[in-house]
Amino acid sequence: MGSENSSEVTKSRAKVLADEIGSWHLDVFIDGVVSALLSLFQKLTGKRPRCKVDGGSNIENLGLQNIQARIRMVLAFMLASLLPWVHNKPGFFLVLGSSNVDEGLRGYLTKIG
């Protein structure tokens, strides 16, 4: 689930890992969803956050990073619950998470599909 901020190396690693474990791989770009959320935020507040490299603050930068992480989590859960239905199969897929115990207990973990 790449974005304009994802390197080619990162995207190729995801594909290689999926191939190595025999997983089905989708190459998904989330830029459109990020843009839609930022437009909604701007409509509500009159401000549009910018990345630090584009002159934004640390607060803006962190917020923009978290938007991408949360979009990935929501999309992973949507795919996990609905892809079996798309393929006329019963059940659902498992969404895995990776974090340390502290992050898990606080709910600050990014789940991956």
N, C-alpha and C. Protein backbone atom coordinates (compact mmCIF):
# COMPACT_ATOMS: atom_id res chain seq x y z
N MET A 1 0.85 -1.17 0.00
CA MET A 1 0.00 0.00 0.00
C MET A 1 0.89 1.24 0.00
N GLY A 2 1.45 1.50 -1.16
CA GLY A 2 2.40 2.59 -1.28
C GLY A 2 1.75 3.94 -1.49
N SER A 3 2.59 4.96 -1.35
CA SER A 3 2.17 6.33 -1.59
C SER A 3 3.28 7.04 -2.33
N GLU A 4 3.07 8.31 -2.59
CA GLU A 4 4.11 9.10 -3.25
C GLU A 4 5.39 9.14 -2.42
N ASN A 5 5.28 8.81 -1.15
CA ASN A 5 6.44 8.80 -0.25
C ASN A 5 7.15 7.45 -0.20
N SER A 6 6.63 6.45 -0.89
CA SER A 6 7.22 5.11 -0.87
C SER A 6 8.31 5.00 -1.93
N SER A 7 9.42 4.44 -1.54
CA SER A 7 10.51 4.24 -2.50
C SER A 7 10.26 3.00 -3.34
N GLU A 8 10.93 2.92 -4.46
CA GLU A 8 10.85 1.74 -5.31
C GLU A 8 11.39 0.52 -4.57
N VAL A 9 12.40 0.72 -3.74
CA VAL A 9 12.98 -0.38 -2.96
C VAL A 9 11.93 -0.97 -2.02
N THR A 10 11.21 -0.10 -1.34
CA THR A 10 10.18 -0.56 -0.41
C THR A 10 9.10 -1.34 -1.15
N LYS A 11 8.64 -0.80 -2.27
CA LYS A 11 7.59 -1.47 -3.03
C LYS A 11 8.07 -2.82 -3.57
N SER A 12 9.31 -2.91 -4.02
CA SER A 12 9.81 -4.18 -4.54
C SER A 12 9.99 -5.20 -3.42
N ARG A 13 10.36 -4.74 -2.24
CA ARG A 13 10.50 -5.67 -1.10
C ARG A 13 9.16 -6.31 -0.76
N ALA A 14 8.08 -5.55 -0.81
CA ALA A 14 6.76 -6.09 -0.51
C ALA A 14 6.40 -7.20 -1.50
N LYS A 15 6.68 -6.97 -2.76
CA LYS A 15 6.38 -7.96 -3.79
C LYS A 15 7.24 -9.21 -3.61
N VAL A 16 8.52 -9.04 -3.35
CA VAL A 16 9.43 -10.17 -3.15
C VAL A 16 8.99 -11.00 -1.94
N LEU A 17 8.66 -10.33 -0.84
CA LEU A 17 8.21 -11.04 0.36
C LEU A 17 6.93 -11.83 0.07
N ALA A 18 5.98 -11.21 -0.60
CA ALA A 18 4.74 -11.91 -0.94
C ALA A 18 5.02 -13.15 -1.78
N ASP A 19 5.90 -13.01 -2.76
CA ASP A 19 6.26 -14.15 -3.61
C ASP A 19 6.92 -15.26 -2.79
N GLU A 20 7.81 -14.88 -1.88
CA GLU A 20 8.55 -15.87 -1.08
C GLU A 20 7.64 -16.67 -0.16
N ILE A 21 6.59 -16.06 0.35
CA ILE A 21 5.70 -16.77 1.28
C ILE A 21 4.46 -17.32 0.58
N GLY A 22 4.39 -17.13 -0.74
CA GLY A 22 3.25 -17.65 -1.49
C GLY A 22 1.97 -16.87 -1.28
N SER A 23 2.11 -15.60 -1.01
CA SER A 23 0.95 -14.75 -0.76
C SER A 23 0.49 -14.05 -2.03
N TRP A 24 -0.78 -13.68 -2.04
CA TRP A 24 -1.33 -12.91 -3.13
C TRP A 24 -0.93 -11.46 -2.91
N HIS A 25 -0.41 -10.81 -3.93
CA HIS A 25 0.11 -9.44 -3.78
C HIS A 25 -0.70 -8.47 -4.63
N LEU A 26 -1.12 -7.38 -4.01
CA LEU A 26 -1.77 -6.28 -4.71
C LEU A 26 -0.88 -5.06 -4.59
N ASP A 27 -0.70 -4.34 -5.67
CA ASP A 27 0.06 -3.10 -5.65
C ASP A 27 -0.94 -1.96 -5.59
N VAL A 28 -1.13 -1.40 -4.41
CA VAL A 28 -2.16 -0.39 -4.17
C VAL A 28 -1.52 0.92 -3.80
N PHE A 29 -2.01 2.00 -4.39
CA PHE A 29 -1.53 3.34 -4.04
C PHE A 29 -2.63 4.08 -3.31
N ILE A 30 -2.29 4.66 -2.18
CA ILE A 30 -3.28 5.29 -1.31
C ILE A 30 -3.33 6.81 -1.45
N ASP A 31 -2.60 7.37 -2.41
CA ASP A 31 -2.52 8.82 -2.55
C ASP A 31 -3.89 9.48 -2.72
N GLY A 32 -4.78 8.85 -3.46
CA GLY A 32 -6.11 9.43 -3.67
C GLY A 32 -6.90 9.55 -2.38
N VAL A 33 -6.79 8.54 -1.52
CA VAL A 33 -7.50 8.56 -0.24
C VAL A 33 -6.88 9.61 0.68
N VAL A 34 -5.54 9.69 0.69
CA VAL A 34 -4.86 10.70 1.50
C VAL A 34 -5.30 12.09 1.05
N SER A 35 -5.33 12.32 -0.24
CA SER A 35 -5.73 13.62 -0.78
C SER A 35 -7.16 13.96 -0.40
N ALA A 36 -8.05 12.97 -0.47
CA ALA A 36 -9.46 13.21 -0.10
C ALA A 36 -9.58 13.61 1.37
N LEU A 37 -8.84 12.92 2.24
CA LEU A 37 -8.89 13.27 3.67
C LEU A 37 -8.31 14.65 3.93
N LEU A 38 -7.22 14.98 3.24
CA LEU A 38 -6.62 16.30 3.42
C LEU A 38 -7.55 17.40 2.90
N SER A 39 -8.26 17.15 1.82
CA SER A 39 -9.23 18.12 1.31
C SER A 39 -10.37 18.32 2.31
N LEU A 40 -10.85 17.23 2.90
CA LEU A 40 -11.89 17.34 3.92
C LEU A 40 -11.38 18.11 5.13
N PHE A 41 -10.17 17.81 5.58
CA PHE A 41 -9.57 18.53 6.70
C PHE A 41 -9.49 20.02 6.39
N GLN A 42 -9.05 20.34 5.18
CA GLN A 42 -8.92 21.74 4.78
C GLN A 42 -10.28 22.43 4.75
N LYS A 43 -11.30 21.73 4.28
CA LYS A 43 -12.65 22.30 4.25
C LYS A 43 -13.15 22.58 5.67
N LEU A 44 -12.82 21.69 6.59
CA LEU A 44 -13.28 21.84 7.98
C LEU A 44 -12.51 22.91 8.75
N THR A 45 -11.21 23.04 8.46
CA THR A 45 -10.36 23.90 9.29
C THR A 45 -9.80 25.13 8.57
N GLY A 46 -9.83 25.11 7.25
CA GLY A 46 -9.23 26.19 6.48
C GLY A 46 -7.72 26.06 6.34
N LYS A 47 -7.15 24.98 6.85
CA LYS A 47 -5.70 24.76 6.76
C LYS A 47 -5.43 23.39 6.16
N ARG A 48 -4.29 23.30 5.46
CA ARG A 48 -3.86 22.03 4.88
C ARG A 48 -2.45 21.73 5.37
N PRO A 49 -2.26 20.63 6.10
CA PRO A 49 -0.92 20.30 6.62
C PRO A 49 0.05 19.96 5.50
N ARG A 50 1.33 20.25 5.76
CA ARG A 50 2.39 19.96 4.80
C ARG A 50 3.47 19.11 5.47
N CYS A 51 4.14 18.31 4.67
CA CYS A 51 5.28 17.54 5.17
C CYS A 51 6.40 18.50 5.56
N LYS A 52 7.23 18.07 6.48
CA LYS A 52 8.34 18.90 6.94
C LYS A 52 9.26 19.30 5.79
N VAL A 53 9.50 18.39 4.85
CA VAL A 53 10.38 18.70 3.72
C VAL A 53 9.77 19.76 2.81
N ASP A 54 8.47 19.97 2.92
CA ASP A 54 7.79 20.99 2.13
C ASP A 54 7.50 22.25 2.94
N GLY A 55 8.17 22.40 4.08
CA GLY A 55 8.00 23.59 4.91
C GLY A 55 7.04 23.44 6.06
N GLY A 56 6.49 22.24 6.27
CA GLY A 56 5.57 22.01 7.38
C GLY A 56 6.31 21.82 8.69
N SER A 57 5.56 21.75 9.76
CA SER A 57 6.12 21.58 11.10
C SER A 57 6.20 20.10 11.46
N ASN A 58 6.83 19.83 12.60
CA ASN A 58 6.89 18.45 13.10
C ASN A 58 5.49 17.90 13.35
N ILE A 59 4.59 18.73 13.88
CA ILE A 59 3.22 18.31 14.16
C ILE A 59 2.51 17.91 12.86
N GLU A 60 2.65 18.74 11.83
CA GLU A 60 2.04 18.42 10.54
C GLU A 60 2.60 17.13 9.98
N ASN A 61 3.91 17.00 10.05
CA ASN A 61 4.59 15.83 9.52
C ASN A 61 4.09 14.55 10.19
N LEU A 62 4.00 14.57 11.51
CA LEU A 62 3.52 13.39 12.25
C LEU A 62 2.08 13.08 11.88
N GLY A 63 1.25 14.11 11.79
CA GLY A 63 -0.15 13.90 11.41
C GLY A 63 -0.28 13.28 10.03
N LEU A 64 0.53 13.74 9.08
CA LEU A 64 0.48 13.19 7.73
C LEU A 64 0.96 11.74 7.69
N GLN A 65 1.97 11.42 8.48
CA GLN A 65 2.44 10.04 8.55
C GLN A 65 1.36 9.13 9.14
N ASN A 66 0.70 9.61 10.19
CA ASN A 66 -0.34 8.81 10.82
C ASN A 66 -1.55 8.60 9.91
N ILE A 67 -1.87 9.59 9.10
CA ILE A 67 -2.98 9.42 8.15
C ILE A 67 -2.69 8.23 7.24
N GLN A 68 -1.48 8.16 6.71
CA GLN A 68 -1.13 7.06 5.80
C GLN A 68 -1.18 5.71 6.51
N ALA A 69 -0.66 5.66 7.73
CA ALA A 69 -0.68 4.40 8.48
C ALA A 69 -2.11 3.94 8.76
N ARG A 70 -2.98 4.86 9.13
CA ARG A 70 -4.37 4.49 9.45
C ARG A 70 -5.14 4.09 8.20
N ILE A 71 -4.87 4.76 7.08
CA ILE A 71 -5.52 4.36 5.82
C ILE A 71 -5.13 2.93 5.47
N ARG A 72 -3.86 2.61 5.64
CA ARG A 72 -3.41 1.24 5.35
C ARG A 72 -4.11 0.23 6.24
N MET A 73 -4.28 0.58 7.51
CA MET A 73 -4.95 -0.34 8.44
C MET A 73 -6.41 -0.54 8.04
N VAL A 74 -7.12 0.53 7.74
CA VAL A 74 -8.52 0.42 7.36
C VAL A 74 -8.66 -0.40 6.08
N LEU A 75 -7.81 -0.14 5.10
CA LEU A 75 -7.88 -0.88 3.85
C LEU A 75 -7.54 -2.36 4.06
N ALA A 76 -6.57 -2.65 4.92
CA ALA A 76 -6.22 -4.05 5.20
C ALA A 76 -7.40 -4.79 5.79
N PHE A 77 -8.12 -4.16 6.73
CA PHE A 77 -9.29 -4.82 7.32
C PHE A 77 -10.42 -4.96 6.31
N MET A 78 -10.60 -3.97 5.45
CA MET A 78 -11.63 -4.06 4.43
C MET A 78 -11.34 -5.20 3.46
N LEU A 79 -10.09 -5.30 3.01
CA LEU A 79 -9.71 -6.38 2.12
C LEU A 79 -9.85 -7.75 2.79
N ALA A 80 -9.42 -7.82 4.05
CA ALA A 80 -9.48 -9.09 4.78
C ALA A 80 -10.91 -9.59 4.94
N SER A 81 -11.82 -8.67 5.15
CA SER A 81 -13.20 -9.08 5.37
C SER A 81 -13.97 -9.30 4.07
N LEU A 82 -13.59 -8.62 2.99
CA LEU A 82 -14.40 -8.69 1.77
C LEU A 82 -13.79 -9.48 0.61
N LEU A 83 -12.48 -9.69 0.58
CA LEU A 83 -11.90 -10.44 -0.53
C LEU A 83 -12.42 -11.87 -0.66
N PRO A 84 -12.64 -12.59 0.45
CA PRO A 84 -13.23 -13.92 0.29
C PRO A 84 -14.60 -13.85 -0.41
N TRP A 85 -15.39 -12.86 -0.06
CA TRP A 85 -16.69 -12.66 -0.71
C TRP A 85 -16.51 -12.39 -2.20
N VAL A 86 -15.50 -11.55 -2.56
CA VAL A 86 -15.22 -11.24 -3.96
C VAL A 86 -14.93 -12.52 -4.74
N HIS A 87 -14.23 -13.46 -4.10
CA HIS A 87 -13.83 -14.71 -4.75
C HIS A 87 -14.78 -15.87 -4.44
N ASN A 88 -15.98 -15.55 -3.94
CA ASN A 88 -17.00 -16.56 -3.62
C ASN A 88 -16.48 -17.64 -2.68
N LYS A 89 -15.76 -17.22 -1.65
CA LYS A 89 -15.23 -18.15 -0.66
C LYS A 89 -15.77 -17.76 0.72
N PRO A 90 -15.91 -18.73 1.61
CA PRO A 90 -16.40 -18.40 2.96
C PRO A 90 -15.28 -17.81 3.83
N GLY A 91 -15.67 -17.20 4.92
CA GLY A 91 -14.71 -16.75 5.92
C GLY A 91 -14.14 -15.38 5.64
N PHE A 92 -12.94 -15.19 6.17
CA PHE A 92 -12.25 -13.90 6.07
C PHE A 92 -10.76 -14.16 6.15
N PHE A 93 -9.98 -13.17 5.78
CA PHE A 93 -8.53 -13.28 5.89
C PHE A 93 -8.08 -12.70 7.23
N LEU A 94 -6.91 -13.10 7.66
CA LEU A 94 -6.33 -12.64 8.91
C LEU A 94 -5.48 -11.40 8.66
N VAL A 95 -5.63 -10.39 9.51
CA VAL A 95 -4.79 -9.20 9.46
C VAL A 95 -3.80 -9.30 10.60
N LEU A 96 -2.51 -9.25 10.26
CA LEU A 96 -1.46 -9.38 11.26
C LEU A 96 -0.94 -8.01 11.67
N GLY A 97 -0.43 -7.91 12.88
CA GLY A 97 0.14 -6.66 13.36
C GLY A 97 1.55 -6.88 13.87
N SER A 98 2.31 -5.83 13.84
CA SER A 98 3.68 -5.90 14.32
C SER A 98 3.95 -4.67 15.18
N SER A 99 4.30 -4.90 16.42
CA SER A 99 4.59 -3.79 17.34
C SER A 99 5.22 -4.36 18.59
N ASN A 100 5.62 -3.48 19.49
CA ASN A 100 6.06 -3.97 20.79
C ASN A 100 4.87 -3.97 21.74
N VAL A 101 5.02 -4.56 22.91
CA VAL A 101 3.90 -4.71 23.85
C VAL A 101 3.31 -3.35 24.22
N ASP A 102 4.17 -2.37 24.48
CA ASP A 102 3.70 -1.04 24.87
C ASP A 102 2.80 -0.44 23.80
N GLU A 103 3.21 -0.54 22.54
CA GLU A 103 2.38 -0.01 21.45
C GLU A 103 1.07 -0.77 21.36
N GLY A 104 1.13 -2.07 21.49
CA GLY A 104 -0.08 -2.88 21.42
C GLY A 104 -1.08 -2.55 22.51
N LEU A 105 -0.59 -2.37 23.74
CA LEU A 105 -1.48 -2.05 24.86
C LEU A 105 -2.13 -0.67 24.71
N ARG A 106 -1.42 0.25 24.10
CA ARG A 106 -1.96 1.60 23.89
C ARG A 106 -2.79 1.71 22.62
N GLY A 107 -2.78 0.68 21.80
CA GLY A 107 -3.50 0.73 20.54
C GLY A 107 -2.75 1.47 19.46
N TYR A 108 -1.47 1.74 19.69
CA TYR A 108 -0.68 2.46 18.69
C TYR A 108 0.19 1.46 17.95
N LEU A 109 -0.46 0.68 17.12
CA LEU A 109 0.27 -0.25 16.29
C LEU A 109 -0.32 -0.21 14.90
N THR A 110 0.48 -0.46 13.93
CA THR A 110 -0.01 -0.49 12.56
C THR A 110 -0.15 -1.93 12.15
N LYS A 111 -1.36 -2.30 11.78
CA LYS A 111 -1.59 -3.67 11.34
C LYS A 111 -1.31 -3.75 9.85
N ILE A 112 -0.83 -4.91 9.45
CA ILE A 112 -0.52 -5.13 8.05
C ILE A 112 -1.33 -6.31 7.53
N GLY A 113 -1.66 -6.30 6.26
CA GLY A 113 -2.47 -7.38 5.70
C GLY A 113 -1.60 -8.44 5.08
